[in-house]
PDB file of N, CA and C in Angstrom:
ATOM      1  N   MET A   1     -88.277  96.890   0.744  1.00  0.00           N
ATOM      2  CA  MET A   1     -86.690  97.656   1.000  1.00  0.00           C
ATOM      3  C   MET A   1     -87.281  98.938   0.516  1.00  0.00           C
ATOM      4  N   ASN A   2     -86.911  99.868   1.561  1.00  0.00           N
ATOM      5  CA  ASN A   2     -87.323 101.151   1.342  1.00  0.00           C
ATOM      6  C   ASN A   2     -86.160 101.744   0.182  1.00  0.00           C
ATOM      7  N   ILE A   3     -86.454 103.264  -0.250  1.00  0.00           N
ATOM      8  CA  ILE A   3     -86.252 103.732  -0.841  1.00  0.00           C
ATOM      9  C   ILE A   3     -84.536 103.833  -0.690  1.00  0.00           C
ATOM     10  N   THR A   4     -84.335 104.285   0.287  1.00  0.00           N
ATOM     11  CA  THR A   4     -82.842 104.835   1.175  1.00  0.00           C
ATOM     12  C   THR A   4     -82.361 103.674   1.109  1.00  0.00           C
ATOM     13  N   THR A   5     -82.793 102.455   1.584  1.00  0.00           N
ATOM     14  CA  THR A   5     -81.959 100.908   1.446  1.00  0.00           C
ATOM     15  C   THR A   5     -81.631 100.553  -0.145  1.00  0.00           C
ATOM     16  N   ARG A   6     -82.369 100.934  -0.930  1.00  0.00           N
ATOM     17  CA  ARG A   6     -82.210 100.300  -2.324  1.00  0.00           C
ATOM     18  C   ARG A   6     -80.852 101.198  -2.642  1.00  0.00           C
ATOM     19  N   LEU A   7     -81.161 102.554  -2.483  1.00  0.00           N
ATOM     20  CA  LEU A   7     -80.214 103.644  -3.370  1.00  0.00           C
ATOM     21  C   LEU A   7     -78.741 103.651  -2.586  1.00  0.00           C
ATOM     22  N   LEU A   8     -78.530 102.954  -0.967  1.00  0.00           N
ATOM     23  CA  LEU A   8     -77.704 102.677  -0.492  1.00  0.00           C
ATOM     24  C   LEU A   8     -76.396 101.368  -1.408  1.00  0.00           C
ATOM     25  N   ARG A   9     -77.476 100.581  -1.302  1.00  0.00           N
ATOM     26  CA  ARG A   9     -77.090  99.056  -2.344  1.00  0.00           C
ATOM     27  C   ARG A   9     -76.379  99.189  -3.835  1.00  0.00           C
ATOM     28  N   VAL A  10     -76.928 100.469  -4.236  1.00  0.00           N
ATOM     29  CA  VAL A  10     -76.975 100.901  -5.454  1.00  0.00           C
ATOM     30  C   VAL A  10     -75.522 101.406  -5.695  1.00  0.00           C
ATOM     31  N   LEU A  11     -75.567 102.235  -4.680  1.00  0.00           N
ATOM     32  CA  LEU A  11     -74.147 103.153  -4.640  1.00  0.00           C
ATOM     33  C   LEU A  11     -72.831 102.006  -4.395  1.00  0.00           C
ATOM     34  N   VAL A  12     -73.197 101.271  -3.325  1.00  0.00           N
ATOM     35  CA  VAL A  12     -72.258 100.294  -3.150  1.00  0.00           C
ATOM     36  C   VAL A  12     -71.491  99.838  -3.867  1.00  0.00           C
ATOM     37  N   MET A  13     -72.664  99.042  -5.255  1.00  0.00           N
ATOM     38  CA  MET A  13     -72.352  98.424  -5.743  1.00  0.00           C
ATOM     39  C   MET A  13     -71.444  99.423  -7.131  1.00  0.00           C
ATOM     40  N   LEU A  14     -72.079 100.321  -7.438  1.00  0.00           N
ATOM     41  CA  LEU A  14     -71.084 101.032  -7.793  1.00  0.00           C
ATOM     42  C   LEU A  14     -70.157 101.641  -7.585  1.00  0.00           C
ATOM     43  N   LEU A  15     -69.533 101.618  -6.472  1.00  0.00           N
ATOM     44  CA  LEU A  15     -68.335 102.293  -5.862  1.00  0.00           C
ATOM     45  C   LEU A  15     -67.534 100.890  -5.912  1.00  0.00           C
ATOM     46  N   ALA A  16     -67.856  99.770  -5.796  1.00  0.00           N
ATOM     47  CA  ALA A  16     -67.103  98.262  -5.756  1.00  0.00           C
ATOM     48  C   ALA A  16     -66.944  98.275  -7.429  1.00  0.00           C
ATOM     49  N   ALA A  17     -68.059  98.121  -8.156  1.00  0.00           N
ATOM     50  CA  ALA A  17     -67.452  98.422  -9.940  1.00  0.00           C
ATOM     51  C   ALA A  17     -66.110  99.272 -10.176  1.00  0.00           C
ATOM     52  N   ALA A  18     -66.604 100.495 -10.019  1.00  0.00           N
ATOM     53  CA  ALA A  18     -65.470 101.399  -9.679  1.00  0.00           C
ATOM     54  C   ALA A  18     -64.068 101.094  -9.015  1.00  0.00           C
ATOM     55  N   PHE A  19     -64.083 100.193  -8.652  1.00  0.00           N
ATOM     56  CA  PHE A  19     -62.668  99.998  -7.531  1.00  0.00           C
ATOM     57  C   PHE A  19     -62.474  98.711  -8.417  1.00  0.00           C
ATOM     58  N   HIS A  20     -62.846  98.197  -8.477  1.00  0.00           N
ATOM     59  CA  HIS A  20     -62.335  96.739  -9.317  1.00  0.00           C
ATOM     60  C   HIS A  20     -61.808  97.584 -10.690  1.00  0.00           C
ATOM     61  N   THR A  21     -62.200  98.119 -11.672  1.00  0.00           N
ATOM     62  CA  THR A  21     -62.036  98.706 -12.877  1.00  0.00           C
ATOM     63  C   THR A  21     -60.540  99.251 -12.770  1.00  0.00           C
ATOM     64  N   GLY A  22     -60.341 100.093 -11.908  1.00  0.00           N
ATOM     65  CA  GLY A  22     -59.255 101.210 -11.562  1.00  0.00           C
ATOM     66  C   GLY A  22     -58.313 100.208 -10.799  1.00  0.00           C
ATOM     67  N   ALA A  23     -58.677  98.795 -10.184  1.00  0.00           N
ATOM     68  CA  ALA A  23     -57.609  97.975  -9.704  1.00  0.00           C
ATOM     69  C   ALA A  23     -57.097  97.532 -11.147  1.00  0.00           C
ATOM     70  N   GLN A  24     -57.849  97.024 -12.011  1.00  0.00           N
ATOM     71  CA  GLN A  24     -57.547  96.208 -13.048  1.00  0.00           C
ATOM     72  C   GLN A  24     -56.444  97.337 -14.142  1.00  0.00           C
ATOM     73  N   GLU A  25     -57.057  98.832 -14.129  1.00  0.00           N
ATOM     74  CA  GLU A  25     -56.179  99.017 -14.826  1.00  0.00           C
ATOM     75  C   GLU A  25     -54.981  99.499 -14.409  1.00  0.00           C
ATOM     76  N   GLY A  26     -54.761  99.328 -13.018  1.00  0.00           N
ATOM     77  CA  GLY A  26     -53.532  99.706 -11.966  1.00  0.00           C
ATOM     78  C   GLY A  26     -52.388  98.870 -12.718  1.00  0.00           C
ATOM     79  N   VAL A  27     -52.499  97.682 -12.827  1.00  0.00           N
ATOM     80  CA  VAL A  27     -52.060  96.608 -13.434  1.00  0.00           C
ATOM     81  C   VAL A  27     -51.865  96.452 -14.520  1.00  0.00           C
ATOM     82  N   ARG A  28     -50.301  97.045 -15.535  1.00  0.00           N
ATOM     83  CA  ARG A  28     -50.229  96.906 -16.790  1.00  0.00           C
ATOM     84  C   ARG A  28     -49.239  96.146 -16.695  1.00  0.00           C
ATOM     85  N   PRO A  29     -49.097  95.280 -17.864  1.00  0.00           N
ATOM     86  CA  PRO A  29     -48.076  94.422 -18.184  1.00  0.00           C
ATOM     87  C   PRO A  29     -46.581  95.005 -18.680  1.00  0.00           C
ATOM     88  N   GLN A  30     -45.506  94.694 -18.040  1.00  0.00           N
ATOM     89  CA  GLN A  30     -44.470  95.404 -18.571  1.00  0.00           C
ATOM     90  C   GLN A  30     -43.755  94.914 -19.930  1.00  0.00           C
ATOM     91  N   PRO A  31     -43.812  96.195 -20.705  1.00  0.00           N
ATOM     92  CA  PRO A  31     -43.468  95.833 -22.155  1.00  0.00           C
ATOM     93  C   PRO A  31     -41.672  94.627 -22.382  1.00  0.00           C
ATOM     94  N   PRO A  32     -41.673  94.005 -23.119  1.00  0.00           N
ATOM     95  CA  PRO A  32     -40.846  92.861 -23.427  1.00  0.00           C
ATOM     96  C   PRO A  32     -39.882  93.653 -23.244  1.00  0.00           C
ATOM     97  N   THR A  33     -38.557  93.198 -22.267  1.00  0.00           N
ATOM     98  CA  THR A  33     -37.137  93.830 -22.297  1.00  0.00           C
ATOM     99  C   THR A  33     -36.187  93.024 -23.418  1.00  0.00           C
ATOM    100  N   ASN A  34     -35.215  94.016 -23.689  1.00  0.00           N
ATOM    101  CA  ASN A  34     -34.801  94.067 -25.338  1.00  0.00           C
ATOM    102  C   ASN A  34     -32.985  93.786 -24.590  1.00  0.00           C
ATOM    103  N   TYR A  35     -32.165  92.587 -25.122  1.00  0.00           N
ATOM    104  CA  TYR A  35     -30.628  92.511 -24.905  1.00  0.00           C
ATOM    105  C   TYR A  35     -30.573  91.762 -25.877  1.00  0.00           C
ATOM    106  N   ARG A  36     -29.010  92.925 -26.017  1.00  0.00           N
ATOM    107  CA  ARG A  36     -27.683  92.854 -26.930  1.00  0.00           C
ATOM    108  C   ARG A  36     -27.140  91.704 -26.587  1.00  0.00           C
ATOM    109  N   LEU A  37     -27.197  90.583 -27.550  1.00  0.00           N
ATOM    110  CA  LEU A  37     -25.496  89.545 -27.397  1.00  0.00           C
ATOM    111  C   LEU A  37     -24.866  89.779 -28.401  1.00  0.00           C
ATOM    112  N   GLU A  38     -23.086  89.417 -27.486  1.00  0.00           N
ATOM    113  CA  GLU A  38     -22.242  89.475 -28.201  1.00  0.00           C
ATOM    114  C   GLU A  38     -21.503  88.443 -27.881  1.00  0.00           C
ATOM    115  N   LEU A  39     -20.190  88.233 -28.530  1.00  0.00           N
ATOM    116  CA  LEU A  39     -19.073  87.148 -28.790  1.00  0.00           C
ATOM    117  C   LEU A  39     -17.865  88.009 -28.926  1.00  0.00           C
ATOM    118  N   VAL A  40     -17.441  87.797 -27.437  1.00  0.00           N
ATOM    119  CA  VAL A  40     -15.977  88.330 -27.435  1.00  0.00           C
ATOM    120  C   VAL A  40     -14.996  87.091 -27.405  1.00  0.00           C
ATOM    121  N   TYR A  41     -14.078  87.797 -28.500  1.00  0.00           N
ATOM    122  CA  TYR A  41     -13.046  87.068 -28.205  1.00  0.00           C
ATOM    123  C   TYR A  41     -11.675  87.401 -27.863  1.00  0.00           C
ATOM    124  N   VAL A  42     -11.343  86.109 -26.775  1.00  0.00           N
ATOM    125  CA  VAL A  42      -9.938  86.423 -25.670  1.00  0.00           C
ATOM    126  C   VAL A  42      -9.074  85.722 -26.577  1.00  0.00           C
ATOM    127  N   PHE A  43      -8.117  86.460 -26.410  1.00  0.00           N
ATOM    128  CA  PHE A  43      -6.791  85.798 -27.419  1.00  0.00           C
ATOM    129  C   PHE A  43      -5.114  85.971 -26.283  1.00  0.00           C
ATOM    130  N   GLU A  44      -5.034  84.801 -25.762  1.00  0.00           N
ATOM    131  CA  GLU A  44      -3.480  84.919 -25.055  1.00  0.00           C
ATOM    132  C   GLU A  44      -2.464  83.807 -25.954  1.00  0.00           C
ATOM    133  N   ALA A  45      -1.848  84.198 -25.661  1.00  0.00           N
ATOM    134  CA  ALA A  45      -0.274  83.811 -26.517  1.00  0.00           C
ATOM    135  C   ALA A  45      -0.733  82.536 -26.878  1.00  0.00           C
ATOM    136  N   ASP A  46      -1.213  81.171 -26.748  1.00  0.00           N
ATOM    137  CA  ASP A  46      -1.357  79.956 -27.773  1.00  0.00           C
ATOM    138  C   ASP A  46      -3.029  79.265 -27.668  1.00  0.00           C
ATOM    139  N   SER A  47      -3.817  80.149 -27.124  1.00  0.00           N
ATOM    140  CA  SER A  47      -5.339  79.691 -26.980  1.00  0.00           C
ATOM    141  C   SER A  47      -5.843  81.097 -27.058  1.00  0.00           C
ATOM    142  N   ARG A  48      -7.418  80.699 -27.578  1.00  0.00           N
ATOM    143  CA  ARG A  48      -8.278  81.243 -27.936  1.00  0.00           C
ATOM    144  C   ARG A  48      -9.810  80.884 -27.469  1.00  0.00           C
ATOM    145  N   GLU A  49     -10.278  82.295 -26.704  1.00  0.00           N
ATOM    146  CA  GLU A  49     -11.187  81.518 -26.319  1.00  0.00           C
ATOM    147  C   GLU A  49     -12.385  82.578 -26.697  1.00  0.00           C
ATOM    148  N   PHE A  50     -13.621  82.074 -26.762  1.00  0.00           N
ATOM    149  CA  PHE A  50     -14.575  82.884 -26.597  1.00  0.00           C
ATOM    150  C   PHE A  50     -15.678  83.196 -25.697  1.00  0.00           C
ATOM    151  N   ILE A  51     -16.526  84.598 -25.559  1.00  0.00           N
ATOM    152  CA  ILE A  51     -17.400  84.724 -24.196  1.00  0.00           C
ATOM    153  C   ILE A  51     -18.545  85.320 -24.568  1.00  0.00           C
ATOM    154  N   PHE A  52     -19.500  84.476 -24.167  1.00  0.00           N
ATOM    155  CA  PHE A  52     -20.773  85.238 -24.783  1.00  0.00           C
ATOM    156  C   PHE A  52     -20.844  86.054 -23.825  1.00  0.00           C
ATOM    157  N   ALA A  53     -21.973  87.675 -23.835  1.00  0.00           N
ATOM    158  CA  ALA A  53     -22.021  88.642 -23.254  1.00  0.00           C
ATOM    159  C   ALA A  53     -23.242  89.285 -23.381  1.00  0.00           C
ATOM    160  N   ILE A  54     -23.708  89.830 -22.522  1.00  0.00           N
ATOM    161  CA  ILE A  54     -24.883  90.066 -22.216  1.00  0.00           C
ATOM    162  C   ILE A  54     -24.951  91.192 -21.451  1.00  0.00           C
ATOM    163  N   GLY A  55     -24.852  92.599 -21.940  1.00  0.00           N
ATOM    164  CA  GLY A  55     -24.323  94.007 -20.713  1.00  0.00           C
ATOM    165  C   GLY A  55     -23.169  93.765 -20.159  1.00  0.00           C
ATOM    166  N   ASN A  56     -23.260  93.655 -18.949  1.00  0.00           N
ATOM    167  CA  ASN A  56     -22.178  93.121 -18.291  1.00  0.00           C
ATOM    168  C   ASN A  56     -22.075  91.835 -17.647  1.00  0.00           C
ATOM    169  N   ALA A  57     -22.585  90.936 -18.042  1.00  0.00           N
ATOM    170  CA  ALA A  57     -22.217  89.568 -17.639  1.00  0.00           C
ATOM    171  C   ALA A  57     -22.252  89.158 -18.846  1.00  0.00           C
ATOM    172  N   GLY A  58     -21.323  87.994 -18.727  1.00  0.00           N
ATOM    173  CA  GLY A  58     -20.444  87.000 -19.642  1.00  0.00           C
ATOM    174  C   GLY A  58     -20.225  85.749 -18.933  1.00  0.00           C
ATOM    175  N   PHE A  59     -20.489  84.463 -20.283  1.00  0.00           N
ATOM    176  CA  PHE A  59     -20.688  83.529 -20.059  1.00  0.00           C
ATOM    177  C   PHE A  59     -19.770  82.600 -21.004  1.00  0.00           C
ATOM    178  N   LYS A  60     -18.701  81.600 -20.314  1.00  0.00           N
ATOM    179  CA  LYS A  60     -18.020  80.710 -20.694  1.00  0.00           C
ATOM    180  C   LYS A  60     -18.317  79.739 -21.687  1.00  0.00           C
ATOM    181  N   SER A  61     -19.776  79.480 -21.613  1.00  0.00           N
ATOM    182  CA  SER A  61     -20.054  78.332 -22.765  1.00  0.00           C
ATOM    183  C   SER A  61     -22.014  78.736 -22.734  1.00  0.00           C
ATOM    184  N   VAL A  62     -22.332  78.032 -23.813  1.00  0.00           N
ATOM    185  CA  VAL A  62     -23.510  77.665 -24.262  1.00  0.00           C
ATOM    186  C   VAL A  62     -24.814  77.542 -23.355  1.00  0.00           C
ATOM    187  N   ALA A  63     -24.340  76.399 -22.358  1.00  0.00           N
ATOM    188  CA  ALA A  63     -25.033  76.015 -21.331  1.00  0.00           C
ATOM    189  C   ALA A  63     -24.854  76.845 -20.502  1.00  0.00           C
ATOM    190  N   SER A  64     -24.134  78.131 -19.927  1.00  0.00           N
ATOM    191  CA  SER A  64     -24.122  78.606 -19.019  1.00  0.00           C
ATOM    192  C   SER A  64     -24.632  79.880 -19.370  1.00  0.00           C
ATOM    193  N   LEU A  65     -24.857  80.250 -20.976  1.00  0.00           N
ATOM    194  CA  LEU A  65     -25.710  81.336 -21.652  1.00  0.00           C
ATOM    195  C   LEU A  65     -27.210  80.761 -21.713  1.00  0.00           C
ATOM    196  N   LYS A  66     -27.458  79.702 -22.312  1.00  0.00           N
ATOM    197  CA  LYS A  66     -28.874  79.207 -21.787  1.00  0.00           C
ATOM    198  C   LYS A  66     -29.544  79.394 -20.452  1.00  0.00           C
ATOM    199  N   LYS A  67     -28.565  78.789 -19.393  1.00  0.00           N
ATOM    200  CA  LYS A  67     -28.844  78.997 -17.976  1.00  0.00           C
ATOM    201  C   LYS A  67     -29.626  80.731 -17.619  1.00  0.00           C
ATOM    202  N   TYR A  68     -28.833  81.146 -17.563  1.00  0.00           N
ATOM    203  CA  TYR A  68     -28.938  83.107 -17.827  1.00  0.00           C
ATOM    204  C   TYR A  68     -30.587  83.074 -18.296  1.00  0.00           C
ATOM    205  N   LEU A  69     -30.197  82.871 -19.732  1.00  0.00           N
ATOM    206  CA  LEU A  69     -31.647  83.301 -20.778  1.00  0.00           C
ATOM    207  C   LEU A  69     -32.954  82.576 -19.836  1.00  0.00           C
ATOM    208  N   SER A  70     -32.478  81.083 -19.541  1.00  0.00           N
ATOM    209  CA  SER A  70     -34.303  80.829 -18.917  1.00  0.00           C
ATOM    210  C   SER A  70     -34.727  81.749 -17.369  1.00  0.00           C
ATOM    211  N   THR A  71     -33.680  82.579 -17.329  1.00  0.00           N
ATOM    212  CA  THR A  71     -34.155  83.874 -16.276  1.00  0.00           C
ATOM    213  C   THR A  71     -34.975  85.167 -16.821  1.00  0.00           C
ATOM    214  N   LEU A  72     -34.840  85.238 -18.501  1.00  0.00           N
ATOM    215  CA  LEU A  72     -35.390  85.902 -19.124  1.00  0.00           C
ATOM    216  C   LEU A  72     -37.435  86.379 -19.136  1.00  0.00           C
ATOM    217  N   PRO A  73     -37.793  87.050 -19.006  1.00  0.00           N
ATOM    218  CA  PRO A  73     -39.521  86.852 -19.175  1.00  0.00           C
ATOM    219  C   PRO A  73     -39.374  86.497 -20.191  1.00  0.00           C
ATOM    220  N   PRO A  74     -40.683  85.627 -20.414  1.00  0.00           N
ATOM    221  CA  PRO A  74     -41.130  85.707 -21.846  1.00  0.00           C
ATOM    222  C   PRO A  74     -41.533  86.919 -22.765  1.00  0.00           C
ATOM    223  N   GLY A  75     -40.978  86.844 -23.753  1.00  0.00           N
ATOM    224  CA  GLY A  75     -41.626  88.340 -24.750  1.00  0.00           C
ATOM    225  C   GLY A  75     -40.232  88.932 -24.735  1.00  0.00           C
ATOM    226  N   ALA A  76     -39.309  89.010 -23.581  1.00  0.00           N
ATOM    227  CA  ALA A  76     -37.917  89.252 -24.138  1.00  0.00           C
ATOM    228  C   ALA A  76     -37.221  89.145 -25.446  1.00  0.00           C
ATOM    229  N   THR A  77     -36.813  90.026 -25.853  1.00  0.00           N
ATOM    230  CA  THR A  77     -35.929  90.290 -27.017  1.00  0.00           C
ATOM    231  C   THR A  77     -34.808  89.727 -27.361  1.00  0.00           C
ATOM    232  N   LEU A  78     -34.041  89.156 -27.982  1.00  0.00           N
ATOM    233  CA  LEU A  78     -32.825  89.022 -27.361  1.00  0.00           C
ATOM    234  C   LEU A  78     -31.802  89.042 -29.170  1.00  0.00           C
ATOM    235  N   GLU A  79     -30.810  89.869 -29.236  1.00  0.00           N
ATOM    236  CA  GLU A  79     -31.030  89.936 -30.820  1.00  0.00           C
ATOM    237  C   GLU A  79     -29.171  89.791 -30.575  1.00  0.00           C
ATOM    238  N   TRP A  80     -28.398  89.454 -32.086  1.00  0.00           N
ATOM    239  CA  TRP A  80     -27.411  88.993 -31.555  1.00  0.00           C
ATOM    240  C   TRP A  80     -26.844  89.700 -33.474  1.00  0.00           C
ATOM    241  N   ALA A  81     -26.003  90.424 -33.260  1.00  0.00           N
ATOM    242  CA  ALA A  81     -25.417  90.981 -34.461  1.00  0.00           C
ATOM    243  C   ALA A  81     -23.906  90.343 -34.602  1.00  0.00           C
ATOM    244  N   PRO A  82     -23.411  89.498 -35.054  1.00  0.00           N
ATOM    245  CA  PRO A  82     -22.013  89.045 -35.131  1.00  0.00           C
ATOM    246  C   PRO A  82     -20.903  89.543 -36.051  1.00  0.00           C
ATOM    247  N   GLY A  83     -21.363  89.786 -36.877  1.00  0.00           N
ATOM    248  CA  GLY A  83     -20.426  90.070 -37.865  1.00  0.00           C
ATOM    249  C   GLY A  83     -20.779  89.232 -39.013  1.00  0.00           C
ATOM    250  N   CYS A  84     -20.024  89.514 -39.839  1.00  0.00           N
ATOM    251  CA  CYS A  84     -19.569  88.681 -41.017  1.00  0.00           C
ATOM    252  C   CYS A  84     -18.617  87.970 -41.027  1.00  0.00           C
ATOM    253  N   ARG A  85     -17.094  88.644 -40.152  1.00  0.00           N
ATOM    254  CA  ARG A  85     -15.914  88.205 -40.072  1.00  0.00           C
ATOM    255  C   ARG A  85     -16.019  86.832 -39.223  1.00  0.00           C
ATOM    256  N   ARG A  86     -15.068  85.353 -39.869  1.00  0.00           N
ATOM    257  CA  ARG A  86     -14.839  84.314 -39.069  1.00  0.00           C
ATOM    258  C   ARG A  86     -13.802  83.942 -38.582  1.00  0.00           C
ATOM    259  N   LEU A  87     -13.812  82.748 -37.558  1.00  0.00           N
ATOM    260  CA  LEU A  87     -12.578  82.265 -37.529  1.00  0.00           C
ATOM    261  C   LEU A  87     -12.866  80.631 -38.183  1.00  0.00           C
ATOM    262  N   GLY A  88     -14.164  80.689 -37.716  1.00  0.00           N
ATOM    263  CA  GLY A  88     -14.528  79.327 -38.002  1.00  0.00           C
ATOM    264  C   GLY A  88     -14.371  78.198 -36.734  1.00  0.00           C
ATOM    265  N   VAL A  89     -14.232  78.413 -35.746  1.00  0.00           N
ATOM    266  CA  VAL A  89     -14.686  77.755 -34.694  1.00  0.00           C
ATOM    267  C   VAL A  89     -15.094  78.427 -33.422  1.00  0.00           C
ATOM    268  N   GLU A  90     -15.698  79.667 -33.638  1.00  0.00           N
ATOM    269  CA  GLU A  90     -16.718  79.897 -32.799  1.00  0.00           C
ATOM    270  C   GLU A  90     -18.269  79.343 -32.480  1.00  0.00           C
ATOM    271  N   PRO A  91     -18.792  79.049 -31.109  1.00  0.00           N
ATOM    272  CA  PRO A  91     -19.530  78.319 -30.518  1.00  0.00           C
ATOM    273  C   PRO A  91     -20.794  78.851 -31.390  1.00  0.00           C
ATOM    274  N   LEU A  92     -21.799  78.234 -31.810  1.00  0.00           N
ATOM    275  CA  LEU A  92     -22.883  78.400 -32.186  1.00  0.00           C
ATOM    276  C   LEU A  92     -22.935  78.747 -33.863  1.00  0.00           C
ATOM    277  N   LEU A  93     -21.848  79.772 -33.929  1.00  0.00           N
ATOM    278  CA  LEU A  93     -21.937  80.005 -35.211  1.00  0.00           C
ATOM    279  C   LEU A  93     -21.448  79.216 -36.483  1.00  0.00           C
ATOM    280  N   SER A  94     -20.108  78.493 -35.464  1.00  0.00           N
ATOM    281  CA  SER A  94     -20.276  77.334 -36.806  1.00  0.00           C
ATOM    282  C   SER A  94     -20.794  76.092 -36.861  1.00  0.00           C
ATOM    283  N   SER A  95     -21.716  75.938 -36.305  1.00  0.00           N
ATOM    284  CA  SER A  95     -22.555  74.969 -36.295  1.00  0.00           C
ATOM    285  C   SER A  95     -24.652  75.273 -36.761  1.00  0.00           C
ATOM    286  N   GLU A  96     -24.471  74.494 -37.854  1.00  0.00           N
ATOM    287  CA  GLU A  96     -25.766  75.103 -37.969  1.00  0.00           C
ATOM    288  C   GLU A  96     -26.931  74.466 -37.240  1.00  0.00           C
ATOM    289  N   GLN A  97     -26.151  72.583 -36.752  1.00  0.00           N
ATOM    290  CA  GLN A  97     -27.410  72.221 -35.608  1.00  0.00           C
ATOM    291  C   GLN A  97     -27.328  72.954 -34.062  1.00  0.00           C
ATOM    292  N   GLU A  98     -26.132  73.448 -34.142  1.00  0.00           N
ATOM    293  CA  GLU A  98     -26.025  74.405 -32.766  1.00  0.00           C
ATOM    294  C   GLU A  98     -26.725  75.127 -32.672  1.00  0.00           C
ATOM    295  N   MET A  99     -26.614  76.038 -34.122  1.00  0.00           N
ATOM    296  CA  MET A  99     -27.356  77.363 -34.001  1.00  0.00           C
ATOM    297  C   MET A  99     -29.372  76.915 -33.937  1.00  0.00           C
ATOM    298  N   GLY A 100     -29.631  76.162 -34.769  1.00  0.00           N
ATOM    299  CA  GLY A 100     -30.851  75.587 -34.904  1.00  0.00           C
ATOM    300  C   GLY A 100     -31.190  75.142 -33.359  1.00  0.00           C
ATOM    301  N   GLU A 101     -30.924  74.543 -32.156  1.00  0.00           N
ATOM    302  CA  GLU A 101     -31.138  73.943 -31.307  1.00  0.00           C
ATOM    303  C   GLU A 101     -30.783  75.165 -30.292  1.00  0.00           C
ATOM    304  N   PHE A 102     -30.154  76.123 -30.215  1.00  0.00           N
ATOM    305  CA  PHE A 102     -30.321  77.533 -29.666  1.00  0.00           C
ATOM    306  C   PHE A 102     -31.763  78.592 -29.863  1.00  0.00           C
ATOM    307  N   LYS A 103     -32.206  78.070 -31.210  1.00  0.00           N
ATOM    308  CA  LYS A 103     -32.934  79.001 -31.557  1.00  0.00           C
ATOM    309  C   LYS A 103     -34.330  78.086 -31.007  1.00  0.00           C
ATOM    310  N   ALA A 104     -34.778  76.975 -31.040  1.00  0.00           N
ATOM    311  CA  ALA A 104     -35.211  76.349 -30.611  1.00  0.00           C
ATOM    312  C   ALA A 104     -35.514  76.133 -29.260  1.00  0.00           C
ATOM    313  N   PHE A 105     -34.123  76.418 -28.580  1.00  0.00           N
ATOM    314  CA  PHE A 105     -34.693  76.481 -27.142  1.00  0.00           C
ATOM    315  C   PHE A 105     -35.218  78.018 -26.635  1.00  0.00           C
ATOM    316  N   CYS A 106     -34.445  79.302 -28.013  1.00  0.00           N
ATOM    317  CA  CYS A 106     -35.288  80.706 -27.357  1.00  0.00           C
ATOM    318  C   CYS A 106     -36.934  80.129 -27.073  1.00  0.00           C
ATOM    319  N   ALA A 107     -37.071  79.836 -28.542  1.00  0.00           N
ATOM    320  CA  ALA A 107     -38.282  79.450 -29.034  1.00  0.00           C
ATOM    321  C   ALA A 107     -39.413  78.927 -27.588  1.00  0.00           C
ATOM    322  N   GLU A 108     -39.168  78.200 -27.061  1.00  0.00           N
ATOM    323  CA  GLU A 108     -39.606  77.646 -25.992  1.00  0.00           C
ATOM    324  C   GLU A 108     -39.868  78.263 -24.804  1.00  0.00           C
ATOM    325  N   ARG A 109     -38.815  79.117 -24.685  1.00  0.00           N
ATOM    326  CA  ARG A 109     -38.943  79.826 -23.552  1.00  0.00           C
ATOM    327  C   ARG A 109     -39.270  81.168 -24.076  1.00  0.00           C
ATOM    328  N   GLY A 110     -39.957  81.102 -25.173  1.00  0.00           N
ATOM    329  CA  GLY A 110     -40.709  82.670 -25.314  1.00  0.00           C
ATOM    330  C   GLY A 110     -39.899  83.386 -25.760  1.00  0.00           C
ATOM    331  N   ILE A 111     -38.909  83.527 -25.862  1.00  0.00           N
ATOM    332  CA  ILE A 111     -37.526  84.800 -26.296  1.00  0.00           C
ATOM    333  C   ILE A 111     -37.472  84.500 -27.686  1.00  0.00           C
ATOM    334  N   ASN A 112     -37.851  86.299 -28.103  1.00  0.00           N
ATOM    335  CA  ASN A 112     -37.505  86.106 -29.601  1.00  0.00           C
ATOM    336  C   ASN A 112     -36.272  86.393 -29.988  1.00  0.00           C
ATOM    337  N   PHE A 113     -36.030  85.343 -30.435  1.00  0.00           N
ATOM    338  CA  PHE A 113     -34.294  85.467 -30.930  1.00  0.00           C
ATOM    339  C   PHE A 113     -33.936  86.495 -32.289  1.00  0.00           C
ATOM    340  N   ILE A 114     -33.253  87.370 -32.218  1.00  0.00           N
ATOM    341  CA  ILE A 114     -33.189  88.063 -33.358  1.00  0.00           C
ATOM    342  C   ILE A 114     -31.810  88.190 -34.089  1.00  0.00           C
ATOM    343  N   LEU A 115     -31.076  86.871 -35.082  1.00  0.00           N
ATOM    344  CA  LEU A 115     -29.785  86.800 -35.435  1.00  0.00           C
ATOM    345  C   LEU A 115     -30.079  87.757 -36.972  1.00  0.00           C
ATOM    346  N   VAL A 116     -28.687  88.692 -36.870  1.00  0.00           N
ATOM    347  CA  VAL A 116     -28.821  89.519 -37.871  1.00  0.00           C
ATOM    348  C   VAL A 116     -27.275  88.819 -38.214  1.00  0.00           C
ATOM    349  N   PRO A 117     -26.807  88.226 -39.266  1.00  0.00           N
ATOM    350  CA  PRO A 117     -25.950  87.198 -39.923  1.00  0.00           C
ATOM    351  C   PRO A 117     -24.653  88.308 -40.501  1.00  0.00           C
ATOM    352  N   SER A 118     -25.448  89.288 -41.179  1.00  0.00           N
ATOM    353  CA  SER A 118     -23.870  90.068 -41.613  1.00  0.00           C
ATOM    354  C   SER A 118     -23.346  91.235 -40.562  1.00  0.00           C
ATOM    355  N   GLY A 119     -24.239  91.522 -39.216  1.00  0.00           N
ATOM    356  CA  GLY A 119     -23.548  92.151 -38.506  1.00  0.00           C
ATOM    357  C   GLY A 119     -24.485  93.635 -38.544  1.00  0.00           C
TER     358      GLY A 119
END
């Protein structure tokens, strides 16, 4: 192999390595997304309804909330500061078992659930 061929091969390898490194640097992981959960009370004549809200989206049940949360990326943070006032029949807040299951659900999906119990 002559010197020109060797130099050309080295140059090609250097360019390939630089391209590969530059391509890896261009792919940066997205930062985890933060979400804020709220519990909205709806009072009508003789009934009371609770709706979970995240942004502009509302969920009438824990099941529908979980379905939505299943679409969040691992590493997302869900913060809930429901305050300290209770009526005693709020979903999740009125049952330690339900809350424990909800926390486990979030953990299984890689969602960082932060509960601020006193708001």
